[in-house]
């Protein structure tokens, strides 16, 4: 299936803000991941998926819209909360995908999470 690659970012893991690092080790029992997309031509998202090594693990309809203003486009924020035990042990590549008007997309940002 062809999908569009869009501009977005995973911003925090368990309330730890990610800077340029793209690898994080978690010791908590849960994984809370949040981020945003700010694609100017995207006005609505139907659903987000949390992918682990390219395989969908969780689905989220927890979508927040931040209204655009003169200095920024519409921001669409997402949050996932899952138990760490759902992740395969070791290190895994985490990415975010979704559907907008039934068109699949993937965010151009990945992180590696180790447990």
N, C-alpha and C. Protein backbone atom coordinates (compact mmCIF):
# COMPACT_ATOMS: atom_id res chain seq x y z
N UNK A 1 0.84 -1.18 0.00
CA UNK A 1 0.00 0.00 0.00
C UNK A 1 0.89 1.24 0.00
N UNK A 2 0.61 2.16 -0.87
CA UNK A 2 1.37 3.40 -0.93
C UNK A 2 0.91 4.31 0.20
N UNK A 3 1.87 4.89 0.89
CA UNK A 3 1.52 5.83 1.94
C UNK A 3 2.33 7.11 1.77
N UNK A 4 1.76 8.17 2.27
CA UNK A 4 2.41 9.47 2.20
C UNK A 4 3.31 9.63 3.42
N UNK A 5 4.49 10.19 3.22
CA UNK A 5 5.38 10.49 4.34
C UNK A 5 5.13 11.94 4.72
N UNK A 6 4.82 12.15 5.99
CA UNK A 6 4.47 13.51 6.43
C UNK A 6 5.40 13.97 7.54
N UNK A 7 5.41 15.28 7.74
CA UNK A 7 6.28 15.92 8.72
C UNK A 7 5.66 15.78 10.11
N UNK A 8 6.39 15.16 11.01
CA UNK A 8 5.91 15.00 12.37
C UNK A 8 7.04 14.62 13.29
N UNK A 9 6.76 14.54 14.58
CA UNK A 9 7.82 14.26 15.54
C UNK A 9 7.25 13.58 16.77
N UNK A 10 7.98 12.58 17.25
CA UNK A 10 7.72 12.01 18.57
C UNK A 10 8.42 12.93 19.56
N UNK A 11 7.64 13.55 20.46
CA UNK A 11 8.17 14.60 21.32
C UNK A 11 8.62 14.12 22.69
N UNK A 12 7.91 13.14 23.26
CA UNK A 12 8.28 12.71 24.60
C UNK A 12 7.93 11.24 24.83
N UNK A 13 8.71 10.64 25.71
CA UNK A 13 8.49 9.27 26.18
C UNK A 13 8.42 9.35 27.69
N UNK A 14 7.31 8.90 28.27
CA UNK A 14 7.11 8.94 29.73
C UNK A 14 7.46 10.31 30.30
N UNK A 15 6.97 11.34 29.63
CA UNK A 15 7.16 12.74 30.02
C UNK A 15 8.61 13.20 29.97
N UNK A 16 9.50 12.41 29.37
CA UNK A 16 10.88 12.81 29.14
C UNK A 16 10.97 13.38 27.73
N UNK A 17 11.23 14.69 27.64
CA UNK A 17 11.29 15.33 26.33
C UNK A 17 12.48 14.80 25.54
N UNK A 18 12.24 14.47 24.28
CA UNK A 18 13.30 14.00 23.41
C UNK A 18 13.90 15.20 22.70
N UNK A 19 15.22 15.30 22.71
CA UNK A 19 15.86 16.37 21.95
C UNK A 19 16.32 15.77 20.63
N UNK A 20 17.60 15.73 20.40
CA UNK A 20 18.08 15.12 19.16
C UNK A 20 18.27 13.62 19.31
N UNK A 21 18.21 13.14 20.54
CA UNK A 21 18.41 11.71 20.76
C UNK A 21 17.28 10.92 20.10
N UNK A 22 17.61 9.78 19.56
CA UNK A 22 16.55 8.96 18.97
C UNK A 22 16.61 7.55 19.52
N UNK A 23 17.27 7.39 20.69
CA UNK A 23 17.29 6.09 21.36
C UNK A 23 17.09 6.35 22.85
N UNK A 24 16.18 5.59 23.45
CA UNK A 24 15.89 5.79 24.87
C UNK A 24 15.62 4.43 25.51
N UNK A 25 16.09 4.27 26.74
CA UNK A 25 15.82 3.06 27.51
C UNK A 25 14.76 3.39 28.55
N UNK A 26 13.72 2.56 28.61
CA UNK A 26 12.68 2.81 29.61
C UNK A 26 12.72 1.71 30.67
N UNK A 27 12.53 2.14 31.91
CA UNK A 27 12.51 1.21 33.03
C UNK A 27 11.13 1.17 33.68
N UNK A 28 10.28 2.14 33.35
CA UNK A 28 8.92 2.16 33.89
C UNK A 28 8.13 0.98 33.35
N UNK A 29 7.03 0.66 34.01
CA UNK A 29 6.18 -0.45 33.56
C UNK A 29 5.28 -0.03 32.40
N UNK A 30 5.14 1.26 32.20
CA UNK A 30 4.28 1.72 31.10
C UNK A 30 5.09 2.58 30.13
N UNK A 31 4.55 2.72 28.96
CA UNK A 31 5.14 3.55 27.92
C UNK A 31 4.09 4.57 27.51
N UNK A 32 4.39 5.85 27.75
CA UNK A 32 3.50 6.93 27.32
C UNK A 32 4.28 7.74 26.30
N UNK A 33 3.79 7.73 25.09
CA UNK A 33 4.49 8.37 23.98
C UNK A 33 3.58 9.45 23.41
N UNK A 34 4.13 10.63 23.20
CA UNK A 34 3.33 11.69 22.60
C UNK A 34 4.14 12.42 21.54
N UNK A 35 3.41 13.03 20.63
CA UNK A 35 4.06 13.75 19.55
C UNK A 35 3.05 14.55 18.77
N UNK A 36 3.49 15.06 17.62
CA UNK A 36 2.62 15.91 16.84
C UNK A 36 3.00 15.86 15.37
N UNK A 37 2.04 16.22 14.55
CA UNK A 37 2.32 16.46 13.14
C UNK A 37 1.87 17.88 12.83
N UNK A 38 2.57 18.50 11.90
CA UNK A 38 2.17 19.84 11.49
C UNK A 38 2.31 19.94 9.98
N UNK A 39 1.60 19.06 9.33
CA UNK A 39 1.57 19.03 7.87
C UNK A 39 0.52 20.03 7.41
N UNK A 40 0.94 21.01 6.62
CA UNK A 40 0.03 22.11 6.30
C UNK A 40 -1.20 21.66 5.50
N UNK A 41 -1.07 20.59 4.70
CA UNK A 41 -2.23 20.20 3.89
C UNK A 41 -3.08 19.12 4.55
N UNK A 42 -2.79 18.79 5.81
CA UNK A 42 -3.58 17.77 6.50
C UNK A 42 -4.45 18.45 7.54
N UNK A 43 -5.75 18.28 7.42
CA UNK A 43 -6.65 18.96 8.33
C UNK A 43 -7.37 18.00 9.27
N UNK A 44 -7.30 16.71 8.99
CA UNK A 44 -7.96 15.80 9.92
C UNK A 44 -7.29 14.43 9.85
N UNK A 45 -7.22 13.78 10.99
CA UNK A 45 -6.66 12.44 11.10
C UNK A 45 -7.74 11.55 11.68
N UNK A 46 -7.96 10.40 11.05
CA UNK A 46 -8.99 9.47 11.54
C UNK A 46 -8.46 8.64 12.70
N UNK A 47 -7.21 8.18 12.59
CA UNK A 47 -6.64 7.29 13.60
C UNK A 47 -5.12 7.31 13.48
N UNK A 48 -4.44 7.09 14.61
CA UNK A 48 -2.99 6.92 14.63
C UNK A 48 -2.68 5.48 15.03
N UNK A 49 -1.57 4.95 14.52
CA UNK A 49 -1.08 3.63 14.90
C UNK A 49 0.35 3.74 15.39
N UNK A 50 0.65 3.04 16.48
CA UNK A 50 2.01 2.91 16.98
C UNK A 50 2.60 1.66 16.36
N UNK A 51 3.68 1.82 15.60
CA UNK A 51 4.32 0.68 14.94
C UNK A 51 5.58 0.31 15.68
N UNK A 52 5.77 -0.99 15.90
CA UNK A 52 6.99 -1.51 16.50
C UNK A 52 7.66 -2.37 15.45
N UNK A 53 8.83 -1.94 15.01
CA UNK A 53 9.55 -2.62 13.93
C UNK A 53 8.63 -2.82 12.72
N UNK A 54 7.82 -1.79 12.44
CA UNK A 54 6.95 -1.79 11.26
C UNK A 54 5.63 -2.51 11.42
N UNK A 55 5.38 -3.09 12.60
CA UNK A 55 4.14 -3.85 12.84
C UNK A 55 3.24 -3.05 13.78
N UNK A 56 1.97 -2.84 13.42
CA UNK A 56 1.06 -2.08 14.31
C UNK A 56 0.89 -2.80 15.65
N UNK A 57 1.09 -2.03 16.73
CA UNK A 57 0.94 -2.59 18.08
C UNK A 57 -0.25 -1.95 18.80
N UNK A 58 -0.49 -0.66 18.55
CA UNK A 58 -1.56 0.04 19.25
C UNK A 58 -2.21 1.04 18.31
N UNK A 59 -3.47 1.34 18.62
CA UNK A 59 -4.27 2.27 17.83
C UNK A 59 -4.74 3.37 18.77
N UNK A 60 -4.77 4.60 18.28
CA UNK A 60 -5.22 5.70 19.12
C UNK A 60 -6.15 6.63 18.37
N UNK A 61 -7.26 6.94 19.02
CA UNK A 61 -8.16 7.98 18.54
C UNK A 61 -8.04 9.21 19.44
N UNK A 62 -7.04 9.20 20.33
CA UNK A 62 -6.80 10.31 21.25
C UNK A 62 -6.05 11.39 20.49
N UNK A 63 -6.80 12.23 19.77
CA UNK A 63 -6.22 13.19 18.84
C UNK A 63 -6.64 14.59 19.27
N UNK A 64 -5.65 15.47 19.45
CA UNK A 64 -5.91 16.86 19.83
C UNK A 64 -5.52 17.77 18.67
N UNK A 65 -6.36 18.75 18.40
CA UNK A 65 -6.08 19.72 17.35
C UNK A 65 -5.78 21.08 17.98
N UNK A 66 -4.67 21.68 17.59
CA UNK A 66 -4.31 23.02 18.04
C UNK A 66 -4.52 23.97 16.87
N UNK A 67 -5.35 24.96 17.09
CA UNK A 67 -5.71 25.87 15.99
C UNK A 67 -4.50 26.61 15.45
N UNK A 68 -4.46 26.78 14.15
CA UNK A 68 -3.35 27.54 13.56
C UNK A 68 -3.46 29.02 13.89
N UNK A 69 -2.30 29.68 13.87
CA UNK A 69 -2.30 31.14 14.01
C UNK A 69 -1.35 31.70 12.97
N UNK A 70 -1.01 32.96 13.09
CA UNK A 70 -0.21 33.60 12.04
C UNK A 70 1.20 33.03 11.94
N UNK A 71 1.68 32.41 13.02
CA UNK A 71 3.06 31.90 13.00
C UNK A 71 3.14 30.38 12.87
N UNK A 72 2.02 29.68 12.96
CA UNK A 72 2.10 28.22 12.87
C UNK A 72 0.88 27.64 12.17
N UNK A 73 1.09 26.48 11.57
CA UNK A 73 0.01 25.74 10.93
C UNK A 73 -0.78 24.99 12.00
N UNK A 74 -1.85 24.34 11.58
CA UNK A 74 -2.61 23.46 12.45
C UNK A 74 -1.67 22.36 12.96
N UNK A 75 -1.70 22.13 14.27
CA UNK A 75 -0.91 21.05 14.87
C UNK A 75 -1.86 19.95 15.32
N UNK A 76 -1.52 18.72 14.99
CA UNK A 76 -2.34 17.57 15.38
C UNK A 76 -1.48 16.74 16.32
N UNK A 77 -1.94 16.61 17.57
CA UNK A 77 -1.16 15.93 18.60
C UNK A 77 -1.74 14.54 18.85
N UNK A 78 -0.83 13.59 19.15
CA UNK A 78 -1.24 12.22 19.45
C UNK A 78 -0.57 11.74 20.73
N UNK A 79 -1.22 10.79 21.40
CA UNK A 79 -0.68 10.18 22.61
C UNK A 79 -1.02 8.70 22.60
N UNK A 80 -0.04 7.90 23.00
CA UNK A 80 -0.25 6.47 23.19
C UNK A 80 0.17 6.11 24.61
N UNK A 81 -0.56 5.22 25.25
CA UNK A 81 -0.18 4.69 26.56
C UNK A 81 -0.37 3.18 26.51
N UNK A 82 0.74 2.46 26.66
CA UNK A 82 0.67 0.99 26.67
C UNK A 82 1.57 0.46 27.78
N UNK A 83 1.34 -0.77 28.17
CA UNK A 83 2.22 -1.42 29.13
C UNK A 83 3.50 -1.86 28.43
N UNK A 84 4.63 -1.68 29.10
CA UNK A 84 5.92 -2.03 28.52
C UNK A 84 5.99 -3.50 28.10
N UNK A 85 5.26 -4.36 28.82
CA UNK A 85 5.30 -5.80 28.52
C UNK A 85 4.77 -6.12 27.12
N UNK A 86 4.03 -5.20 26.50
CA UNK A 86 3.55 -5.45 25.14
C UNK A 86 4.65 -5.28 24.10
N UNK A 87 5.74 -4.62 24.49
CA UNK A 87 6.86 -4.47 23.57
C UNK A 87 7.71 -5.73 23.57
N UNK A 88 8.22 -6.13 22.41
CA UNK A 88 9.20 -7.22 22.41
C UNK A 88 10.41 -6.79 23.24
N UNK A 89 11.06 -7.75 23.92
CA UNK A 89 12.21 -7.38 24.74
C UNK A 89 13.36 -6.92 23.86
N UNK A 90 14.27 -6.18 24.46
CA UNK A 90 15.41 -5.64 23.72
C UNK A 90 15.09 -4.26 23.19
N UNK A 91 15.68 -3.93 22.05
CA UNK A 91 15.49 -2.61 21.44
C UNK A 91 14.61 -2.72 20.20
N UNK A 92 13.70 -1.78 20.05
CA UNK A 92 12.74 -1.80 18.95
C UNK A 92 12.62 -0.43 18.33
N UNK A 93 12.42 -0.41 17.02
CA UNK A 93 12.21 0.85 16.30
C UNK A 93 10.72 1.19 16.37
N UNK A 94 10.43 2.38 16.88
CA UNK A 94 9.06 2.85 17.04
C UNK A 94 8.79 3.93 16.01
N UNK A 95 7.68 3.80 15.30
CA UNK A 95 7.26 4.82 14.35
C UNK A 95 5.75 5.00 14.47
N UNK A 96 5.26 6.06 13.86
CA UNK A 96 3.84 6.41 13.94
C UNK A 96 3.27 6.47 12.54
N UNK A 97 2.13 5.82 12.35
CA UNK A 97 1.42 5.86 11.08
C UNK A 97 -0.02 6.24 11.37
N UNK A 98 -0.81 6.40 10.33
CA UNK A 98 -2.20 6.74 10.54
C UNK A 98 -2.98 6.80 9.25
N UNK A 99 -4.23 7.19 9.40
CA UNK A 99 -5.12 7.37 8.25
C UNK A 99 -5.70 8.77 8.32
N UNK A 100 -5.69 9.44 7.17
CA UNK A 100 -6.34 10.74 7.04
C UNK A 100 -7.24 10.65 5.81
N UNK A 101 -8.54 10.76 6.03
CA UNK A 101 -9.52 10.58 4.95
C UNK A 101 -9.28 9.26 4.20
N UNK A 102 -9.04 8.20 4.98
CA UNK A 102 -8.78 6.84 4.48
C UNK A 102 -7.50 6.71 3.66
N UNK A 103 -6.61 7.72 3.70
CA UNK A 103 -5.33 7.64 3.03
C UNK A 103 -4.23 7.38 4.07
N UNK A 104 -3.46 6.31 3.89
CA UNK A 104 -2.43 5.99 4.88
C UNK A 104 -1.25 6.97 4.81
N UNK A 105 -0.69 7.24 5.99
CA UNK A 105 0.51 8.08 6.06
C UNK A 105 1.44 7.53 7.14
N UNK A 106 2.69 7.93 7.08
CA UNK A 106 3.66 7.59 8.11
C UNK A 106 4.46 8.85 8.42
N UNK A 107 4.80 9.03 9.69
CA UNK A 107 5.55 10.21 10.12
C UNK A 107 7.03 9.99 9.85
N UNK A 108 7.72 11.04 9.42
CA UNK A 108 9.12 10.95 9.03
C UNK A 108 10.06 11.01 10.23
N UNK A 109 9.69 10.40 11.36
CA UNK A 109 10.51 10.43 12.56
C UNK A 109 10.36 9.08 13.25
N UNK A 110 11.46 8.43 13.57
CA UNK A 110 11.43 7.18 14.32
C UNK A 110 12.34 7.30 15.53
N UNK A 111 12.06 6.47 16.53
CA UNK A 111 12.95 6.39 17.69
C UNK A 111 13.19 4.92 18.01
N UNK A 112 14.24 4.68 18.76
CA UNK A 112 14.52 3.32 19.21
C UNK A 112 14.29 3.29 20.72
N UNK A 113 13.45 2.35 21.15
CA UNK A 113 13.16 2.19 22.57
C UNK A 113 13.70 0.84 23.02
N UNK A 114 14.48 0.87 24.09
CA UNK A 114 15.03 -0.36 24.67
C UNK A 114 14.38 -0.61 26.02
N UNK A 115 14.11 -1.89 26.30
CA UNK A 115 13.50 -2.24 27.58
C UNK A 115 14.40 -3.18 28.36
